[in-house]
Amino acid sequence: MIATDISEDNQENPDCLFETSEALLRSEIGFWKDMIDSDKPAYAPATIERMEQALALAELRLTELLGKYQQKRRKNEPAPGNVYFIGRHC
């Protein structure tokens, strides 16, 4: 299973986690698209339907991952009008 949790519990390197999860989900999406577009007559209709469900699930998970990441980035961005310090501060 692909880690898609970018929560407070997972703070080691959320950007790296995001990039890895995004790449894995995009690979999974590409895999299912290739499978669906390949020799369809070789698969039973139920098999094709399951592949399409797996594709839809991977696309949904990617959409959710991107949404979580964008929310987290917006949360960490300073609001306009804040005072910015150059250098180290506590």
PDB file of N, CA and C in Angstrom:
ATOM      1  N   MET A   1       0.837  -1.176   0.000  1.00  0.00           N
ATOM      2  CA  MET A   1       0.000   0.000   0.000  1.00  0.00           C
ATOM      3  C   MET A   1       0.886   1.244   0.000  1.00  0.00           C
ATOM      4  N   ILE A   2       0.452   2.252  -0.683  1.00  0.00           N
ATOM      5  CA  ILE A   2       1.219   3.482  -0.817  1.00  0.00           C
ATOM      6  C   ILE A   2       0.886   4.410   0.340  1.00  0.00           C
ATOM      7  N   ALA A   3       1.919   4.962   0.935  1.00  0.00           N
ATOM      8  CA  ALA A   3       1.704   5.899   2.037  1.00  0.00           C
ATOM      9  C   ALA A   3       1.210   7.218   1.471  1.00  0.00           C
ATOM     10  N   THR A   4       0.030   7.636   1.883  1.00  0.00           N
ATOM     11  CA  THR A   4      -0.511   8.907   1.408  1.00  0.00           C
ATOM     12  C   THR A   4      -0.819   9.844   2.556  1.00  0.00           C
ATOM     13  N   ASP A   5      -0.287   9.550   3.741  1.00  0.00           N
ATOM     14  CA  ASP A   5      -0.572  10.363   4.906  1.00  0.00           C
ATOM     15  C   ASP A   5       0.463  11.463   5.056  1.00  0.00           C
ATOM     16  N   ILE A   6       0.027  12.698   4.887  1.00  0.00           N
ATOM     17  CA  ILE A   6       0.908  13.835   5.116  1.00  0.00           C
ATOM     18  C   ILE A   6       0.310  14.591   6.296  1.00  0.00           C
ATOM     19  N   SER A   7       0.308  13.957   7.444  1.00  0.00           N
ATOM     20  CA  SER A   7      -0.282  14.535   8.639  1.00  0.00           C
ATOM     21  C   SER A   7       0.819  14.987   9.585  1.00  0.00           C
ATOM     22  N   GLU A   8       0.412  15.461  10.732  1.00  0.00           N
ATOM     23  CA  GLU A   8       1.370  15.910  11.734  1.00  0.00           C
ATOM     24  C   GLU A   8       2.231  14.747  12.214  1.00  0.00           C
ATOM     25  N   ASP A   9       1.719  13.515  12.134  1.00  0.00           N
ATOM     26  CA  ASP A   9       2.464  12.343  12.588  1.00  0.00           C
ATOM     27  C   ASP A   9       3.628  12.001  11.668  1.00  0.00           C
ATOM     28  N   ASN A  10       3.597  12.503  10.465  1.00  0.00           N
ATOM     29  CA  ASN A  10       4.574  12.099   9.468  1.00  0.00           C
ATOM     30  C   ASN A  10       5.402  13.312   9.048  1.00  0.00           C
ATOM     31  N   GLN A  11       6.273  13.782   9.928  1.00  0.00           N
ATOM     32  CA  GLN A  11       6.987  15.026   9.697  1.00  0.00           C
ATOM     33  C   GLN A  11       8.444  14.859   9.269  1.00  0.00           C
ATOM     34  N   GLU A  12       8.928  13.615   9.109  1.00  0.00           N
ATOM     35  CA  GLU A  12      10.342  13.439   8.759  1.00  0.00           C
ATOM     36  C   GLU A  12      10.716  14.274   7.551  1.00  0.00           C
ATOM     37  N   ASN A  13      10.075  14.043   6.452  1.00  0.00           N
ATOM     38  CA  ASN A  13      10.291  14.827   5.251  1.00  0.00           C
ATOM     39  C   ASN A  13       9.024  14.741   4.405  1.00  0.00           C
ATOM     40  N   PRO A  14       8.028  15.565   4.699  1.00  0.00           N
ATOM     41  CA  PRO A  14       6.756  15.455   3.995  1.00  0.00           C
ATOM     42  C   PRO A  14       6.864  15.708   2.500  1.00  0.00           C
ATOM     43  N   ASP A  15       7.800  16.557   2.068  1.00  0.00           N
ATOM     44  CA  ASP A  15       7.947  16.793   0.630  1.00  0.00           C
ATOM     45  C   ASP A  15       8.429  15.539  -0.070  1.00  0.00           C
ATOM     46  N   CYS A  16       9.372  14.833   0.546  1.00  0.00           N
ATOM     47  CA  CYS A  16       9.876  13.594  -0.036  1.00  0.00           C
ATOM     48  C   CYS A  16       8.780  12.537  -0.049  1.00  0.00           C
ATOM     49  N   LEU A  17       8.033  12.450   1.043  1.00  0.00           N
ATOM     50  CA  LEU A  17       6.924  11.497   1.114  1.00  0.00           C
ATOM     51  C   LEU A  17       5.903  11.800   0.035  1.00  0.00           C
ATOM     52  N   PHE A  18       5.581  13.073  -0.132  1.00  0.00           N
ATOM     53  CA  PHE A  18       4.625  13.471  -1.164  1.00  0.00           C
ATOM     54  C   PHE A  18       5.116  13.080  -2.549  1.00  0.00           C
ATOM     55  N   GLU A  19       6.363  13.426  -2.857  1.00  0.00           N
ATOM     56  CA  GLU A  19       6.908  13.136  -4.184  1.00  0.00           C
ATOM     57  C   GLU A  19       6.929  11.641  -4.469  1.00  0.00           C
ATOM     58  N   THR A  20       7.298  10.848  -3.471  1.00  0.00           N
ATOM     59  CA  THR A  20       7.328   9.394  -3.643  1.00  0.00           C
ATOM     60  C   THR A  20       5.927   8.845  -3.854  1.00  0.00           C
ATOM     61  N   SER A  21       4.992   9.284  -3.017  1.00  0.00           N
ATOM     62  CA  SER A  21       3.614   8.811  -3.136  1.00  0.00           C
ATOM     63  C   SER A  21       3.000   9.229  -4.464  1.00  0.00           C
ATOM     64  N   GLU A  22       3.264  10.468  -4.874  1.00  0.00           N
ATOM     65  CA  GLU A  22       2.730  10.940  -6.150  1.00  0.00           C
ATOM     66  C   GLU A  22       3.296  10.111  -7.305  1.00  0.00           C
ATOM     67  N   ALA A  23       4.591   9.858  -7.289  1.00  0.00           N
ATOM     68  CA  ALA A  23       5.212   9.072  -8.364  1.00  0.00           C
ATOM     69  C   ALA A  23       4.647   7.656  -8.412  1.00  0.00           C
ATOM     70  N   LEU A  24       4.467   7.052  -7.243  1.00  0.00           N
ATOM     71  CA  LEU A  24       3.911   5.696  -7.210  1.00  0.00           C
ATOM     72  C   LEU A  24       2.474   5.666  -7.714  1.00  0.00           C
ATOM     73  N   LEU A  25       1.679   6.635  -7.315  1.00  0.00           N
ATOM     74  CA  LEU A  25       0.288   6.669  -7.781  1.00  0.00           C
ATOM     75  C   LEU A  25       0.225   6.935  -9.282  1.00  0.00           C
ATOM     76  N   ARG A  26       1.062   7.829  -9.776  1.00  0.00           N
ATOM     77  CA  ARG A  26       1.073   8.081 -11.231  1.00  0.00           C
ATOM     78  C   ARG A  26       1.515   6.836 -12.001  1.00  0.00           C
ATOM     79  N   SER A  27       2.454   6.079 -11.438  1.00  0.00           N
ATOM     80  CA  SER A  27       2.864   4.818 -12.070  1.00  0.00           C
ATOM     81  C   SER A  27       1.725   3.815 -12.076  1.00  0.00           C
ATOM     82  N   GLU A  28       1.019   3.742 -10.958  1.00  0.00           N
ATOM     83  CA  GLU A  28      -0.118   2.828 -10.870  1.00  0.00           C
ATOM     84  C   GLU A  28      -1.201   3.215 -11.880  1.00  0.00           C
ATOM     85  N   ILE A  29      -1.463   4.502 -12.008  1.00  0.00           N
ATOM     86  CA  ILE A  29      -2.454   4.981 -12.981  1.00  0.00           C
ATOM     87  C   ILE A  29      -2.024   4.611 -14.389  1.00  0.00           C
ATOM     88  N   GLY A  30      -0.752   4.834 -14.699  1.00  0.00           N
ATOM     89  CA  GLY A  30      -0.238   4.464 -16.021  1.00  0.00           C
ATOM     90  C   GLY A  30      -0.346   2.972 -16.274  1.00  0.00           C
ATOM     91  N   PHE A  31      -0.072   2.170 -15.253  1.00  0.00           N
ATOM     92  CA  PHE A  31      -0.177   0.717 -15.385  1.00  0.00           C
ATOM     93  C   PHE A  31      -1.605   0.308 -15.734  1.00  0.00           C
ATOM     94  N   TRP A  32      -2.568   0.821 -14.977  1.00  0.00           N
ATOM     95  CA  TRP A  32      -3.962   0.424 -15.236  1.00  0.00           C
ATOM     96  C   TRP A  32      -4.428   0.922 -16.596  1.00  0.00           C
ATOM     97  N   LYS A  33      -4.027   2.123 -16.998  1.00  0.00           N
ATOM     98  CA  LYS A  33      -4.404   2.628 -18.323  1.00  0.00           C
ATOM     99  C   LYS A  33      -3.840   1.729 -19.419  1.00  0.00           C
ATOM    100  N   ASP A  34      -2.581   1.314 -19.268  1.00  0.00           N
ATOM    101  CA  ASP A  34      -1.968   0.424 -20.254  1.00  0.00           C
ATOM    102  C   ASP A  34      -2.690  -0.921 -20.300  1.00  0.00           C
ATOM    103  N   MET A  35      -3.042  -1.440 -19.140  1.00  0.00           N
ATOM    104  CA  MET A  35      -3.750  -2.724 -19.093  1.00  0.00           C
ATOM    105  C   MET A  35      -5.119  -2.623 -19.766  1.00  0.00           C
ATOM    106  N   ILE A  36      -5.822  -1.541 -19.479  1.00  0.00           N
ATOM    107  CA  ILE A  36      -7.157  -1.360 -20.056  1.00  0.00           C
ATOM    108  C   ILE A  36      -7.068  -1.157 -21.563  1.00  0.00           C
ATOM    109  N   ASP A  37      -6.065  -0.409 -22.025  1.00  0.00           N
ATOM    110  CA  ASP A  37      -5.927  -0.120 -23.456  1.00  0.00           C
ATOM    111  C   ASP A  37      -5.310  -1.269 -24.243  1.00  0.00           C
ATOM    112  N   SER A  38      -4.780  -2.264 -23.538  1.00  0.00           N
ATOM    113  CA  SER A  38      -4.159  -3.386 -24.241  1.00  0.00           C
ATOM    114  C   SER A  38      -5.245  -4.277 -24.852  1.00  0.00           C
ATOM    115  N   ASP A  39      -4.909  -5.447 -25.187  1.00  0.00           N
ATOM    116  CA  ASP A  39      -5.767  -6.378 -25.919  1.00  0.00           C
ATOM    117  C   ASP A  39      -7.029  -6.721 -25.121  1.00  0.00           C
ATOM    118  N   LYS A  40      -8.062  -5.862 -25.235  1.00  0.00           N
ATOM    119  CA  LYS A  40      -9.294  -6.051 -24.468  1.00  0.00           C
ATOM    120  C   LYS A  40      -9.977  -7.398 -24.700  1.00  0.00           C
ATOM    121  N   PRO A  41     -10.014  -7.907 -25.924  1.00  0.00           N
ATOM    122  CA  PRO A  41     -10.709  -9.183 -26.105  1.00  0.00           C
ATOM    123  C   PRO A  41     -10.099 -10.332 -25.284  1.00  0.00           C
ATOM    124  N   ALA A  42      -8.882 -10.174 -24.830  1.00  0.00           N
ATOM    125  CA  ALA A  42      -8.244 -11.230 -24.046  1.00  0.00           C
ATOM    126  C   ALA A  42      -8.792 -11.288 -22.624  1.00  0.00           C
ATOM    127  N   TYR A  43      -9.476 -10.236 -22.183  1.00  0.00           N
ATOM    128  CA  TYR A  43      -9.987 -10.173 -20.821  1.00  0.00           C
ATOM    129  C   TYR A  43     -11.506 -10.331 -20.799  1.00  0.00           C
ATOM    130  N   ALA A  44     -11.991 -10.939 -19.750  1.00  0.00           N
ATOM    131  CA  ALA A  44     -13.434 -11.035 -19.539  1.00  0.00           C
ATOM    132  C   ALA A  44     -13.965  -9.652 -19.173  1.00  0.00           C
ATOM    133  N   PRO A  45     -15.223  -9.358 -19.490  1.00  0.00           N
ATOM    134  CA  PRO A  45     -15.782  -8.041 -19.148  1.00  0.00           C
ATOM    135  C   PRO A  45     -15.662  -7.708 -17.659  1.00  0.00           C
ATOM    136  N   ALA A  46     -15.820  -8.710 -16.790  1.00  0.00           N
ATOM    137  CA  ALA A  46     -15.693  -8.457 -15.351  1.00  0.00           C
ATOM    138  C   ALA A  46     -14.266  -8.039 -14.992  1.00  0.00           C
ATOM    139  N   THR A  47     -13.292  -8.599 -15.691  1.00  0.00           N
ATOM    140  CA  THR A  47     -11.893  -8.251 -15.442  1.00  0.00           C
ATOM    141  C   THR A  47     -11.625  -6.805 -15.847  1.00  0.00           C
ATOM    142  N   ILE A  48     -12.146  -6.405 -16.988  1.00  0.00           N
ATOM    143  CA  ILE A  48     -11.973  -5.023 -17.459  1.00  0.00           C
ATOM    144  C   ILE A  48     -12.639  -4.059 -16.484  1.00  0.00           C
ATOM    145  N   GLU A  49     -13.807  -4.445 -15.983  1.00  0.00           N
ATOM    146  CA  GLU A  49     -14.500  -3.592 -15.023  1.00  0.00           C
ATOM    147  C   GLU A  49     -13.676  -3.417 -13.743  1.00  0.00           C
ATOM    148  N   ARG A  50     -13.065  -4.489 -13.270  1.00  0.00           N
ATOM    149  CA  ARG A  50     -12.211  -4.402 -12.076  1.00  0.00           C
ATOM    150  C   ARG A  50     -10.991  -3.515 -12.330  1.00  0.00           C
ATOM    151  N   MET A  51     -10.410  -3.607 -13.521  1.00  0.00           N
ATOM    152  CA  MET A  51      -9.272  -2.755 -13.871  1.00  0.00           C
ATOM    153  C   MET A  51      -9.688  -1.291 -13.876  1.00  0.00           C
ATOM    154  N   GLU A  52     -10.875  -1.010 -14.426  1.00  0.00           N
ATOM    155  CA  GLU A  52     -11.361   0.370 -14.458  1.00  0.00           C
ATOM    156  C   GLU A  52     -11.632   0.882 -13.042  1.00  0.00           C
ATOM    157  N   GLN A  53     -12.114   0.010 -12.159  1.00  0.00           N
ATOM    158  CA  GLN A  53     -12.325   0.397 -10.763  1.00  0.00           C
ATOM    159  C   GLN A  53     -10.983   0.691 -10.076  1.00  0.00           C
ATOM    160  N   ALA A  54      -9.987  -0.139 -10.351  1.00  0.00           N
ATOM    161  CA  ALA A  54      -8.657   0.074  -9.771  1.00  0.00           C
ATOM    162  C   ALA A  54      -8.065   1.392 -10.277  1.00  0.00           C
ATOM    163  N   LEU A  55      -8.266   1.692 -11.561  1.00  0.00           N
ATOM    164  CA  LEU A  55      -7.798   2.957 -12.136  1.00  0.00           C
ATOM    165  C   LEU A  55      -8.492   4.135 -11.455  1.00  0.00           C
ATOM    166  N   ALA A  56      -9.806   4.044 -11.306  1.00  0.00           N
ATOM    167  CA  ALA A  56     -10.558   5.126 -10.670  1.00  0.00           C
ATOM    168  C   ALA A  56     -10.097   5.333  -9.227  1.00  0.00           C
ATOM    169  N   LEU A  57      -9.827   4.252  -8.520  1.00  0.00           N
ATOM    170  CA  LEU A  57      -9.366   4.359  -7.135  1.00  0.00           C
ATOM    171  C   LEU A  57      -7.997   5.034  -7.070  1.00  0.00           C
ATOM    172  N   ALA A  58      -7.091   4.654  -7.949  1.00  0.00           N
ATOM    173  CA  ALA A  58      -5.758   5.273  -7.962  1.00  0.00           C
ATOM    174  C   ALA A  58      -5.863   6.756  -8.297  1.00  0.00           C
ATOM    175  N   GLU A  59      -6.735   7.117  -9.240  1.00  0.00           N
ATOM    176  CA  GLU A  59      -6.919   8.533  -9.581  1.00  0.00           C
ATOM    177  C   GLU A  59      -7.515   9.308  -8.410  1.00  0.00           C
ATOM    178  N   LEU A  60      -8.450   8.698  -7.703  1.00  0.00           N
ATOM    179  CA  LEU A  60      -9.042   9.333  -6.528  1.00  0.00           C
ATOM    180  C   LEU A  60      -7.986   9.545  -5.443  1.00  0.00           C
ATOM    181  N   ARG A  61      -7.178   8.541  -5.205  1.00  0.00           N
ATOM    182  CA  ARG A  61      -6.128   8.655  -4.190  1.00  0.00           C
ATOM    183  C   ARG A  61      -5.125   9.742  -4.559  1.00  0.00           C
ATOM    184  N   LEU A  62      -4.794   9.871  -5.833  1.00  0.00           N
ATOM    185  CA  LEU A  62      -3.882  10.926  -6.265  1.00  0.00           C
ATOM    186  C   LEU A  62      -4.515  12.301  -6.046  1.00  0.00           C
ATOM    187  N   THR A  63      -5.775  12.431  -6.391  1.00  0.00           N
ATOM    188  CA  THR A  63      -6.483  13.695  -6.184  1.00  0.00           C
ATOM    189  C   THR A  63      -6.504  14.072  -4.706  1.00  0.00           C
ATOM    190  N   GLU A  64      -6.778  13.090  -3.847  1.00  0.00           N
ATOM    191  CA  GLU A  64      -6.789  13.345  -2.408  1.00  0.00           C
ATOM    192  C   GLU A  64      -5.398  13.726  -1.906  1.00  0.00           C
ATOM    193  N   LEU A  65      -4.382  13.042  -2.393  1.00  0.00           N
ATOM    194  CA  LEU A  65      -3.004  13.337  -1.994  1.00  0.00           C
ATOM    195  C   LEU A  65      -2.629  14.759  -2.378  1.00  0.00           C
ATOM    196  N   LEU A  66      -2.941  15.152  -3.600  1.00  0.00           N
ATOM    197  CA  LEU A  66      -2.622  16.504  -4.060  1.00  0.00           C
ATOM    198  C   LEU A  66      -3.365  17.543  -3.236  1.00  0.00           C
ATOM    199  N   GLY A  67      -4.622  17.257  -2.906  1.00  0.00           N
ATOM    200  CA  GLY A  67      -5.408  18.180  -2.084  1.00  0.00           C
ATOM    201  C   GLY A  67      -4.823  18.339  -0.696  1.00  0.00           C
ATOM    202  N   LYS A  68      -4.426  17.226  -0.059  1.00  0.00           N
ATOM    203  CA  LYS A  68      -3.833  17.285   1.281  1.00  0.00           C
ATOM    204  C   LYS A  68      -2.530  18.074   1.250  1.00  0.00           C
ATOM    205  N   TYR A  69      -1.721  17.834   0.220  1.00  0.00           N
ATOM    206  CA  TYR A  69      -0.435  18.508   0.124  1.00  0.00           C
ATOM    207  C   TYR A  69      -0.624  20.015  -0.056  1.00  0.00           C
ATOM    208  N   GLN A  70      -1.574  20.397  -0.906  1.00  0.00           N
ATOM    209  CA  GLN A  70      -1.815  21.824  -1.132  1.00  0.00           C
ATOM    210  C   GLN A  70      -2.338  22.495   0.133  1.00  0.00           C
ATOM    211  N   GLN A  71      -3.214  21.804   0.876  1.00  0.00           N
ATOM    212  CA  GLN A  71      -3.704  22.358   2.131  1.00  0.00           C
ATOM    213  C   GLN A  71      -2.564  22.564   3.121  1.00  0.00           C
ATOM    214  N   LYS A  72      -1.699  21.582   3.217  1.00  0.00           N
ATOM    215  CA  LYS A  72      -0.577  21.662   4.159  1.00  0.00           C
ATOM    216  C   LYS A  72       0.356  22.812   3.775  1.00  0.00           C
ATOM    217  N   ARG A  73       0.607  22.964   2.484  1.00  0.00           N
ATOM    218  CA  ARG A  73       1.499  24.051   2.044  1.00  0.00           C
ATOM    219  C   ARG A  73       0.874  25.401   2.336  1.00  0.00           C
ATOM    220  N   ARG A  74      -0.440  25.539   2.080  1.00  0.00           N
ATOM    221  CA  ARG A  74      -1.114  26.802   2.356  1.00  0.00           C
ATOM    222  C   ARG A  74      -1.092  27.117   3.851  1.00  0.00           C
ATOM    223  N   LYS A  75      -1.240  26.078   4.660  1.00  0.00           N
ATOM    224  CA  LYS A  75      -1.243  26.247   6.121  1.00  0.00           C
ATOM    225  C   LYS A  75       0.111  26.762   6.610  1.00  0.00           C
ATOM    226  N   ASN A  76       1.192  26.330   5.966  1.00  0.00           N
ATOM    227  CA  ASN A  76       2.540  26.711   6.397  1.00  0.00           C
ATOM    228  C   ASN A  76       3.026  28.016   5.783  1.00  0.00           C
ATOM    229  N   GLU A  77       2.303  28.554   4.812  1.00  0.00           N
ATOM    230  CA  GLU A  77       2.726  29.810   4.193  1.00  0.00           C
ATOM    231  C   GLU A  77       2.326  30.975   5.089  1.00  0.00           C
ATOM    232  N   PRO A  78       3.204  31.938   5.250  1.00  0.00           N
ATOM    233  CA  PRO A  78       2.846  33.087   6.076  1.00  0.00           C
ATOM    234  C   PRO A  78       1.743  33.917   5.416  1.00  0.00           C
ATOM    235  N   ALA A  79       0.904  34.485   6.239  1.00  0.00           N
ATOM    236  CA  ALA A  79      -0.167  35.337   5.729  1.00  0.00           C
ATOM    237  C   ALA A  79       0.425  36.659   5.247  1.00  0.00           C
ATOM    238  N   PRO A  80      -0.205  37.307   4.287  1.00  0.00           N
ATOM    239  CA  PRO A  80       0.299  38.607   3.829  1.00  0.00           C
ATOM    240  C   PRO A  80       0.324  39.597   4.981  1.00  0.00           C
ATOM    241  N   GLY A  81       1.333  40.435   5.011  1.00  0.00           N
ATOM    242  CA  GLY A  81       1.444  41.449   6.036  1.00  0.00           C
ATOM    243  C   GLY A  81       2.237  41.014   7.257  1.00  0.00           C
ATOM    244  N   ASN A  82       2.710  39.789   7.273  1.00  0.00           N
ATOM    245  CA  ASN A  82       3.524  39.329   8.395  1.00  0.00           C
ATOM    246  C   ASN A  82       4.910  39.959   8.333  1.00  0.00           C
ATOM    247  N   VAL A  83       5.550  39.995   9.479  1.00  0.00           N
ATOM    248  CA  VAL A  83       6.919  40.494   9.552  1.00  0.00           C
ATOM    249  C   VAL A  83       7.853  39.326   9.271  1.00  0.00           C
ATOM    250  N   TYR A  84       8.807  39.520   8.394  1.00  0.00           N
ATOM    251  CA  TYR A  84       9.756  38.477   8.036  1.00  0.00           C
ATOM    252  C   TYR A  84      11.116  38.818   8.619  1.00  0.00           C
ATOM    253  N   PHE A  85      11.767  37.830   9.174  1.00  0.00           N
ATOM    254  CA  PHE A  85      13.091  38.004   9.746  1.00  0.00           C
ATOM    255  C   PHE A  85      14.115  37.350   8.833  1.00  0.00           C
ATOM    256  N   ILE A  86      15.210  38.032   8.620  1.00  0.00           N
ATOM    257  CA  ILE A  86      16.286  37.474   7.823  1.00  0.00           C
ATOM    258  C   ILE A  86      17.299  36.912   8.798  1.00  0.00           C
ATOM    259  N   GLY A  87      17.705  35.700   8.569  1.00  0.00           N
ATOM    260  CA  GLY A  87      18.650  35.054   9.473  1.00  0.00           C
ATOM    261  C   GLY A  87      17.920  34.184  10.478  1.00  0.00           C
ATOM    262  N   ARG A  88      18.650  33.797  11.479  1.00  0.00           N
ATOM    263  CA  ARG A  88      18.120  32.887  12.481  1.00  0.00           C
ATOM    264  C   ARG A  88      17.332  33.650  13.543  1.00  0.00           C
ATOM    265  N   HIS A  89      16.181  33.109  13.875  1.00  0.00           N
ATOM    266  CA  HIS A  89      15.386  33.703  14.942  1.00  0.00           C
ATOM    267  C   HIS A  89      14.684  32.598  15.712  1.00  0.00           C
ATOM    268  N   CYS A  90      14.290  32.885  16.934  1.00  0.00           N
ATOM    269  CA  CYS A  90      13.638  31.887  17.804  1.00  0.00           C
ATOM    270  C   CYS A  90      12.191  32.248  18.006  1.00  0.00           C
TER     271      CYS A  90
END
